[in-house]
Amino acid sequence: MLNVNPVAVFSLLLGLACFGMGARLLKSAAAAKRTARPDDPEFVLDPTREDPPDDEIDGDGLERGFMLLVFGGLCLLFAAISF
């Protein structure tokens, strides 16, 4: 029978969750930057399109996403050592 350390399983799941959330934050930040571009050809050519939202794009999402990826990597490293 396979004996699995619960700490390794927990850190593996936590690392995967951090990778997922970090990737989603980085993807969201990149998408928000693309939609806020005023030189978008679709926006320029389609006068009936609404203006882009005035949401501020800050670096917080980028920083959080990067730190979640780093923390997820550390959790996965700890999980690998624990097995």
PDB file of N, CA and C in Angstrom:
ATOM      1  N   MET A   1       0.835  -1.187   0.000  1.00  0.00           N
ATOM      2  CA  MET A   1       0.000   0.000   0.000  1.00  0.00           C
ATOM      3  C   MET A   1       0.876   1.244   0.000  1.00  0.00           C
ATOM      4  N   LEU A   2       0.403   2.266  -0.680  1.00  0.00           N
ATOM      5  CA  LEU A   2       1.165   3.499  -0.820  1.00  0.00           C
ATOM      6  C   LEU A   2       0.950   4.386   0.398  1.00  0.00           C
ATOM      7  N   ASN A   3       2.046   4.779   1.010  1.00  0.00           N
ATOM      8  CA  ASN A   3       1.975   5.651   2.174  1.00  0.00           C
ATOM      9  C   ASN A   3       2.336   7.070   1.729  1.00  0.00           C
ATOM     10  N   VAL A   4       1.362   7.976   1.758  1.00  0.00           N
ATOM     11  CA  VAL A   4       1.562   9.340   1.281  1.00  0.00           C
ATOM     12  C   VAL A   4       1.527  10.291   2.465  1.00  0.00           C
ATOM     13  N   ASN A   5       2.482  11.181   2.478  1.00  0.00           N
ATOM     14  CA  ASN A   5       2.573  12.178   3.532  1.00  0.00           C
ATOM     15  C   ASN A   5       1.486  13.238   3.314  1.00  0.00           C
ATOM     16  N   PRO A   6       0.651  13.511   4.311  1.00  0.00           N
ATOM     17  CA  PRO A   6      -0.415  14.513   4.123  1.00  0.00           C
ATOM     18  C   PRO A   6       0.132  15.926   3.875  1.00  0.00           C
ATOM     19  N   VAL A   7       1.298  16.233   4.407  1.00  0.00           N
ATOM     20  CA  VAL A   7       1.897  17.550   4.174  1.00  0.00           C
ATOM     21  C   VAL A   7       2.261  17.702   2.695  1.00  0.00           C
ATOM     22  N   ALA A   8       2.766  16.620   2.102  1.00  0.00           N
ATOM     23  CA  ALA A   8       3.132  16.661   0.682  1.00  0.00           C
ATOM     24  C   ALA A   8       1.893  16.850  -0.186  1.00  0.00           C
ATOM     25  N   VAL A   9       0.810  16.173   0.151  1.00  0.00           N
ATOM     26  CA  VAL A   9      -0.424  16.299  -0.621  1.00  0.00           C
ATOM     27  C   VAL A   9      -0.978  17.720  -0.494  1.00  0.00           C
ATOM     28  N   PHE A  10      -0.974  18.245   0.723  1.00  0.00           N
ATOM     29  CA  PHE A  10      -1.485  19.601   0.943  1.00  0.00           C
ATOM     30  C   PHE A  10      -0.650  20.629   0.183  1.00  0.00           C
ATOM     31  N   SER A  11       0.677  20.509   0.268  1.00  0.00           N
ATOM     32  CA  SER A  11       1.521  21.483  -0.425  1.00  0.00           C
ATOM     33  C   SER A  11       1.414  21.333  -1.942  1.00  0.00           C
ATOM     34  N   LEU A  12       1.191  20.125  -2.431  1.00  0.00           N
ATOM     35  CA  LEU A  12       0.989  19.916  -3.863  1.00  0.00           C
ATOM     36  C   LEU A  12      -0.296  20.598  -4.330  1.00  0.00           C
ATOM     37  N   LEU A  13      -1.380  20.403  -3.589  1.00  0.00           N
ATOM     38  CA  LEU A  13      -2.650  21.035  -3.952  1.00  0.00           C
ATOM     39  C   LEU A  13      -2.571  22.554  -3.833  1.00  0.00           C
ATOM     40  N   LEU A  14      -1.903  23.039  -2.794  1.00  0.00           N
ATOM     41  CA  LEU A  14      -1.753  24.487  -2.614  1.00  0.00           C
ATOM     42  C   LEU A  14      -0.909  25.085  -3.736  1.00  0.00           C
ATOM     43  N   GLY A  15       0.150  24.401  -4.130  1.00  0.00           N
ATOM     44  CA  GLY A  15       0.986  24.886  -5.219  1.00  0.00           C
ATOM     45  C   GLY A  15       0.234  24.939  -6.536  1.00  0.00           C
ATOM     46  N   LEU A  16      -0.549  23.903  -6.831  1.00  0.00           N
ATOM     47  CA  LEU A  16      -1.337  23.902  -8.064  1.00  0.00           C
ATOM     48  C   LEU A  16      -2.400  25.002  -8.054  1.00  0.00           C
ATOM     49  N   ALA A  17      -3.017  25.224  -6.893  1.00  0.00           N
ATOM     50  CA  ALA A  17      -4.015  26.290  -6.781  1.00  0.00           C
ATOM     51  C   ALA A  17      -3.364  27.659  -6.984  1.00  0.00           C
ATOM     52  N   CYS A  18      -2.168  27.853  -6.432  1.00  0.00           N
ATOM     53  CA  CYS A  18      -1.462  29.134  -6.612  1.00  0.00           C
ATOM     54  C   CYS A  18      -1.085  29.346  -8.071  1.00  0.00           C
ATOM     55  N   PHE A  19      -0.641  28.284  -8.744  1.00  0.00           N
ATOM     56  CA  PHE A  19      -0.328  28.401 -10.159  1.00  0.00           C
ATOM     57  C   PHE A  19      -1.572  28.783 -10.965  1.00  0.00           C
ATOM     58  N   GLY A  20      -2.692  28.163 -10.648  1.00  0.00           N
ATOM     59  CA  GLY A  20      -3.926  28.473 -11.365  1.00  0.00           C
ATOM     60  C   GLY A  20      -4.372  29.913 -11.172  1.00  0.00           C
ATOM     61  N   MET A  21      -4.358  30.373  -9.912  1.00  0.00           N
ATOM     62  CA  MET A  21      -4.783  31.749  -9.639  1.00  0.00           C
ATOM     63  C   MET A  21      -3.797  32.763 -10.208  1.00  0.00           C
ATOM     64  N   GLY A  22      -2.504  32.464 -10.116  1.00  0.00           N
ATOM     65  CA  GLY A  22      -1.501  33.379 -10.657  1.00  0.00           C
ATOM     66  C   GLY A  22      -1.608  33.499 -12.161  1.00  0.00           C
ATOM     67  N   ALA A  23      -1.816  32.379 -12.831  1.00  0.00           N
ATOM     68  CA  ALA A  23      -1.961  32.412 -14.289  1.00  0.00           C
ATOM     69  C   ALA A  23      -3.211  33.180 -14.693  1.00  0.00           C
ATOM     70  N   ARG A  24      -4.285  33.010 -13.932  1.00  0.00           N
ATOM     71  CA  ARG A  24      -5.517  33.738 -14.247  1.00  0.00           C
ATOM     72  C   ARG A  24      -5.333  35.240 -14.046  1.00  0.00           C
ATOM     73  N   LEU A  25      -4.619  35.641 -12.995  1.00  0.00           N
ATOM     74  CA  LEU A  25      -4.370  37.066 -12.759  1.00  0.00           C
ATOM     75  C   LEU A  25      -3.499  37.660 -13.859  1.00  0.00           C
ATOM     76  N   LEU A  26      -2.471  36.934 -14.275  1.00  0.00           N
ATOM     77  CA  LEU A  26      -1.604  37.449 -15.329  1.00  0.00           C
ATOM     78  C   LEU A  26      -2.347  37.526 -16.651  1.00  0.00           C
ATOM     79  N   LYS A  27      -3.197  36.542 -16.923  1.00  0.00           N
ATOM     80  CA  LYS A  27      -3.975  36.556 -18.152  1.00  0.00           C
ATOM     81  C   LYS A  27      -4.980  37.709 -18.130  1.00  0.00           C
ATOM     82  N   SER A  28      -5.605  37.959 -16.975  1.00  0.00           N
ATOM     83  CA  SER A  28      -6.564  39.055 -16.847  1.00  0.00           C
ATOM     84  C   SER A  28      -5.882  40.407 -17.032  1.00  0.00           C
ATOM     85  N   ALA A  29      -4.698  40.566 -16.465  1.00  0.00           N
ATOM     86  CA  ALA A  29      -3.983  41.835 -16.604  1.00  0.00           C
ATOM     87  C   ALA A  29      -3.595  42.084 -18.055  1.00  0.00           C
ATOM     88  N   ALA A  30      -3.165  41.047 -18.749  1.00  0.00           N
ATOM     89  CA  ALA A  30      -2.786  41.208 -20.155  1.00  0.00           C
ATOM     90  C   ALA A  30      -4.012  41.535 -21.005  1.00  0.00           C
ATOM     91  N   ALA A  31      -5.133  40.897 -20.723  1.00  0.00           N
ATOM     92  CA  ALA A  31      -6.351  41.171 -21.478  1.00  0.00           C
ATOM     93  C   ALA A  31      -6.856  42.588 -21.221  1.00  0.00           C
ATOM     94  N   ALA A  32      -6.750  43.046 -19.985  1.00  0.00           N
ATOM     95  CA  ALA A  32      -7.199  44.406 -19.668  1.00  0.00           C
ATOM     96  C   ALA A  32      -6.328  45.442 -20.375  1.00  0.00           C
ATOM     97  N   LYS A  33      -5.032  45.176 -20.465  1.00  0.00           N
ATOM     98  CA  LYS A  33      -4.159  46.113 -21.164  1.00  0.00           C
ATOM     99  C   LYS A  33      -4.472  46.141 -22.655  1.00  0.00           C
ATOM    100  N   ARG A  34      -4.810  44.982 -23.228  1.00  0.00           N
ATOM    101  CA  ARG A  34      -5.131  44.948 -24.659  1.00  0.00           C
ATOM    102  C   ARG A  34      -6.422  45.690 -24.959  1.00  0.00           C
ATOM    103  N   THR A  35      -7.430  45.565 -24.092  1.00  0.00           N
ATOM    104  CA  THR A  35      -8.710  46.215 -24.376  1.00  0.00           C
ATOM    105  C   THR A  35      -8.665  47.716 -24.137  1.00  0.00           C
ATOM    106  N   ALA A  36      -7.732  48.182 -23.363  1.00  0.00           N
ATOM    107  CA  ALA A  36      -7.659  49.616 -23.073  1.00  0.00           C
ATOM    108  C   ALA A  36      -6.866  50.376 -24.121  1.00  0.00           C
ATOM    109  N   ARG A  37      -6.379  49.702 -25.123  1.00  0.00           N
ATOM    110  CA  ARG A  37      -5.603  50.381 -26.167  1.00  0.00           C
ATOM    111  C   ARG A  37      -6.525  51.232 -27.043  1.00  0.00           C
ATOM    112  N   PRO A  38      -6.242  52.517 -27.214  1.00  0.00           N
ATOM    113  CA  PRO A  38      -7.083  53.345 -28.067  1.00  0.00           C
ATOM    114  C   PRO A  38      -6.815  53.124 -29.560  1.00  0.00           C
ATOM    115  N   ASP A  39      -5.712  52.469 -29.915  1.00  0.00           N
ATOM    116  CA  ASP A  39      -5.396  52.256 -31.324  1.00  0.00           C
ATOM    117  C   ASP A  39      -5.913  50.913 -31.832  1.00  0.00           C
ATOM    118  N   ASP A  40      -6.889  50.361 -31.142  1.00  0.00           N
ATOM    119  CA  ASP A  40      -7.499  49.095 -31.550  1.00  0.00           C
ATOM    120  C   ASP A  40      -8.236  49.316 -32.872  1.00  0.00           C
ATOM    121  N   PRO A  41      -7.901  48.574 -33.937  1.00  0.00           N
ATOM    122  CA  PRO A  41      -8.538  48.820 -35.236  1.00  0.00           C
ATOM    123  C   PRO A  41     -10.049  48.608 -35.218  1.00  0.00           C
ATOM    124  N   GLU A  42     -10.517  47.634 -34.457  1.00  0.00           N
ATOM    125  CA  GLU A  42     -11.964  47.417 -34.380  1.00  0.00           C
ATOM    126  C   GLU A  42     -12.656  48.614 -33.751  1.00  0.00           C
ATOM    127  N   PHE A  43     -12.030  49.170 -32.718  1.00  0.00           N
ATOM    128  CA  PHE A  43     -12.632  50.306 -32.039  1.00  0.00           C
ATOM    129  C   PHE A  43     -12.657  51.530 -32.952  1.00  0.00           C
ATOM    130  N   VAL A  44     -11.593  51.727 -33.707  1.00  0.00           N
ATOM    131  CA  VAL A  44     -11.506  52.891 -34.586  1.00  0.00           C
ATOM    132  C   VAL A  44     -12.482  52.756 -35.756  1.00  0.00           C
ATOM    133  N   LEU A  45     -12.624  51.553 -36.297  1.00  0.00           N
ATOM    134  CA  LEU A  45     -13.448  51.359 -37.489  1.00  0.00           C
ATOM    135  C   LEU A  45     -14.933  51.209 -37.186  1.00  0.00           C
ATOM    136  N   ASP A  46     -15.285  50.873 -35.961  1.00  0.00           N
ATOM    137  CA  ASP A  46     -16.685  50.654 -35.617  1.00  0.00           C
ATOM    138  C   ASP A  46     -17.183  51.797 -34.732  1.00  0.00           C
ATOM    139  N   PRO A  47     -17.844  52.801 -35.298  1.00  0.00           N
ATOM    140  CA  PRO A  47     -18.278  53.953 -34.495  1.00  0.00           C
ATOM    141  C   PRO A  47     -19.430  53.620 -33.551  1.00  0.00           C
ATOM    142  N   THR A  48     -20.118  52.507 -33.745  1.00  0.00           N
ATOM    143  CA  THR A  48     -21.236  52.174 -32.867  1.00  0.00           C
ATOM    144  C   THR A  48     -20.776  51.467 -31.593  1.00  0.00           C
ATOM    145  N   ARG A  49     -19.536  51.094 -31.544  1.00  0.00           N
ATOM    146  CA  ARG A  49     -19.022  50.389 -30.365  1.00  0.00           C
ATOM    147  C   ARG A  49     -18.919  51.352 -29.192  1.00  0.00           C
ATOM    148  N   GLU A  50     -19.215  50.838 -28.006  1.00  0.00           N
ATOM    149  CA  GLU A  50     -19.139  51.675 -26.807  1.00  0.00           C
ATOM    150  C   GLU A  50     -17.683  51.959 -26.458  1.00  0.00           C
ATOM    151  N   ASP A  51     -17.482  53.035 -25.718  1.00  0.00           N
ATOM    152  CA  ASP A  51     -16.131  53.356 -25.266  1.00  0.00           C
ATOM    153  C   ASP A  51     -15.644  52.287 -24.299  1.00  0.00           C
ATOM    154  N   PRO A  52     -14.327  52.054 -24.256  1.00  0.00           N
ATOM    155  CA  PRO A  52     -13.816  51.092 -23.277  1.00  0.00           C
ATOM    156  C   PRO A  52     -14.049  51.612 -21.866  1.00  0.00           C
ATOM    157  N   PRO A  53     -14.164  50.731 -20.897  1.00  0.00           N
ATOM    158  CA  PRO A  53     -14.406  51.174 -19.521  1.00  0.00           C
ATOM    159  C   PRO A  53     -13.226  52.000 -19.002  1.00  0.00           C
ATOM    160  N   ASP A  54     -13.526  52.874 -18.065  1.00  0.00           N
ATOM    161  CA  ASP A  54     -12.508  53.755 -17.501  1.00  0.00           C
ATOM    162  C   ASP A  54     -11.803  53.131 -16.305  1.00  0.00           C
ATOM    163  N   ASP A  55     -11.781  51.825 -16.228  1.00  0.00           N
ATOM    164  CA  ASP A  55     -11.101  51.153 -15.126  1.00  0.00           C
ATOM    165  C   ASP A  55      -9.602  51.416 -15.217  1.00  0.00           C
ATOM    166  N   GLU A  56      -9.034  51.735 -14.077  1.00  0.00           N
ATOM    167  CA  GLU A  56      -7.595  51.957 -14.057  1.00  0.00           C
ATOM    168  C   GLU A  56      -6.885  50.613 -14.115  1.00  0.00           C
ATOM    169  N   ILE A  57      -5.827  50.559 -14.881  1.00  0.00           N
ATOM    170  CA  ILE A  57      -5.017  49.346 -14.957  1.00  0.00           C
ATOM    171  C   ILE A  57      -3.752  49.616 -14.166  1.00  0.00           C
ATOM    172  N   ASP A  58      -3.628  48.931 -13.047  1.00  0.00           N
ATOM    173  CA  ASP A  58      -2.450  49.123 -12.223  1.00  0.00           C
ATOM    174  C   ASP A  58      -1.605  47.857 -12.235  1.00  0.00           C
ATOM    175  N   GLY A  59      -0.463  47.932 -11.635  1.00  0.00           N
ATOM    176  CA  GLY A  59       0.451  46.798 -11.621  1.00  0.00           C
ATOM    177  C   GLY A  59       0.167  45.810 -10.511  1.00  0.00           C
ATOM    178  N   ASP A  60      -0.898  46.036  -9.738  1.00  0.00           N
ATOM    179  CA  ASP A  60      -1.175  45.129  -8.620  1.00  0.00           C
ATOM    180  C   ASP A  60      -1.496  43.722  -9.092  1.00  0.00           C
ATOM    181  N   GLY A  61      -2.293  43.598 -10.140  1.00  0.00           N
ATOM    182  CA  GLY A  61      -2.633  42.275 -10.653  1.00  0.00           C
ATOM    183  C   GLY A  61      -1.410  41.542 -11.172  1.00  0.00           C
ATOM    184  N   LEU A  62      -0.527  42.290 -11.806  1.00  0.00           N
ATOM    185  CA  LEU A  62       0.706  41.699 -12.322  1.00  0.00           C
ATOM    186  C   LEU A  62       1.600  41.232 -11.179  1.00  0.00           C
ATOM    187  N   GLU A  63       1.724  42.058 -10.151  1.00  0.00           N
ATOM    188  CA  GLU A  63       2.551  41.688  -8.999  1.00  0.00           C
ATOM    189  C   GLU A  63       1.961  40.490  -8.261  1.00  0.00           C
ATOM    190  N   ARG A  64       0.649  40.511  -8.042  1.00  0.00           N
ATOM    191  CA  ARG A  64       0.015  39.380  -7.353  1.00  0.00           C
ATOM    192  C   ARG A  64       0.168  38.090  -8.141  1.00  0.00           C
ATOM    193  N   GLY A  65      -0.026  38.175  -9.454  1.00  0.00           N
ATOM    194  CA  GLY A  65       0.109  36.993 -10.289  1.00  0.00           C
ATOM    195  C   GLY A  65       1.507  36.427 -10.248  1.00  0.00           C
ATOM    196  N   PHE A  66       2.510  37.299 -10.322  1.00  0.00           N
ATOM    197  CA  PHE A  66       3.892  36.839 -10.277  1.00  0.00           C
ATOM    198  C   PHE A  66       4.210  36.206  -8.924  1.00  0.00           C
ATOM    199  N   MET A  67       3.779  36.848  -7.848  1.00  0.00           N
ATOM    200  CA  MET A  67       4.066  36.307  -6.515  1.00  0.00           C
ATOM    201  C   MET A  67       3.331  34.990  -6.285  1.00  0.00           C
ATOM    202  N   LEU A  68       2.126  34.841  -6.825  1.00  0.00           N
ATOM    203  CA  LEU A  68       1.430  33.570  -6.704  1.00  0.00           C
ATOM    204  C   LEU A  68       2.161  32.476  -7.467  1.00  0.00           C
ATOM    205  N   LEU A  69       2.729  32.805  -8.612  1.00  0.00           N
ATOM    206  CA  LEU A  69       3.513  31.811  -9.351  1.00  0.00           C
ATOM    207  C   LEU A  69       4.763  31.417  -8.571  1.00  0.00           C
ATOM    208  N   VAL A  70       5.422  32.388  -7.953  1.00  0.00           N
ATOM    209  CA  VAL A  70       6.611  32.086  -7.152  1.00  0.00           C
ATOM    210  C   VAL A  70       6.230  31.230  -5.945  1.00  0.00           C
ATOM    211  N   PHE A  71       5.168  31.609  -5.247  1.00  0.00           N
ATOM    212  CA  PHE A  71       4.731  30.838  -4.077  1.00  0.00           C
ATOM    213  C   PHE A  71       4.291  29.431  -4.483  1.00  0.00           C
ATOM    214  N   GLY A  72       3.612  29.320  -5.617  1.00  0.00           N
ATOM    215  CA  GLY A  72       3.213  27.995  -6.106  1.00  0.00           C
ATOM    216  C   GLY A  72       4.411  27.135  -6.428  1.00  0.00           C
ATOM    217  N   GLY A  73       5.441  27.742  -7.019  1.00  0.00           N
ATOM    218  CA  GLY A  73       6.666  26.990  -7.297  1.00  0.00           C
ATOM    219  C   GLY A  73       7.348  26.511  -6.029  1.00  0.00           C
ATOM    220  N   LEU A  74       7.370  27.357  -5.016  1.00  0.00           N
ATOM    221  CA  LEU A  74       7.960  26.946  -3.741  1.00  0.00           C
ATOM    222  C   LEU A  74       7.157  25.826  -3.086  1.00  0.00           C
ATOM    223  N   CYS A  75       5.835  25.910  -3.177  1.00  0.00           N
ATOM    224  CA  CYS A  75       4.991  24.844  -2.615  1.00  0.00           C
ATOM    225  C   CYS A  75       5.226  23.520  -3.348  1.00  0.00           C
ATOM    226  N   LEU A  76       5.351  23.576  -4.670  1.00  0.00           N
ATOM    227  CA  LEU A  76       5.598  22.353  -5.414  1.00  0.00           C
ATOM    228  C   LEU A  76       6.980  21.786  -5.123  1.00  0.00           C
ATOM    229  N   LEU A  77       7.960  22.667  -4.920  1.00  0.00           N
ATOM    230  CA  LEU A  77       9.287  22.212  -4.532  1.00  0.00           C
ATOM    231  C   LEU A  77       9.236  21.529  -3.162  1.00  0.00           C
ATOM    232  N   PHE A  78       8.513  22.115  -2.232  1.00  0.00           N
ATOM    233  CA  PHE A  78       8.363  21.516  -0.903  1.00  0.00           C
ATOM    234  C   PHE A  78       7.631  20.176  -0.995  1.00  0.00           C
ATOM    235  N   ALA A  79       6.644  20.098  -1.870  1.00  0.00           N
ATOM    236  CA  ALA A  79       5.913  18.847  -2.047  1.00  0.00           C
ATOM    237  C   ALA A  79       6.837  17.757  -2.620  1.00  0.00           C
ATOM    238  N   ALA A  80       7.690  18.145  -3.567  1.00  0.00           N
ATOM    239  CA  ALA A  80       8.615  17.176  -4.141  1.00  0.00           C
ATOM    240  C   ALA A  80       9.613  16.674  -3.103  1.00  0.00           C
ATOM    241  N   ILE A  81      10.064  17.559  -2.224  1.00  0.00           N
ATOM    242  CA  ILE A  81      10.994  17.153  -1.176  1.00  0.00           C
ATOM    243  C   ILE A  81      10.282  16.271  -0.155  1.00  0.00           C
ATOM    244  N   SER A  82       9.013  16.539   0.105  1.00  0.00           N
ATOM    245  CA  SER A  82       8.263  15.796   1.122  1.00  0.00           C
ATOM    246  C   SER A  82       7.902  14.382   0.715  1.00  0.00           C
ATOM    247  N   PHE A  83       7.781  14.152  -0.589  1.00  0.00           N
ATOM    248  CA  PHE A  83       7.408  12.798  -1.025  1.00  0.00           C
ATOM    249  C   PHE A  83       8.519  11.879  -0.761  1.00  0.00           C
TER     250      PHE A  83
END
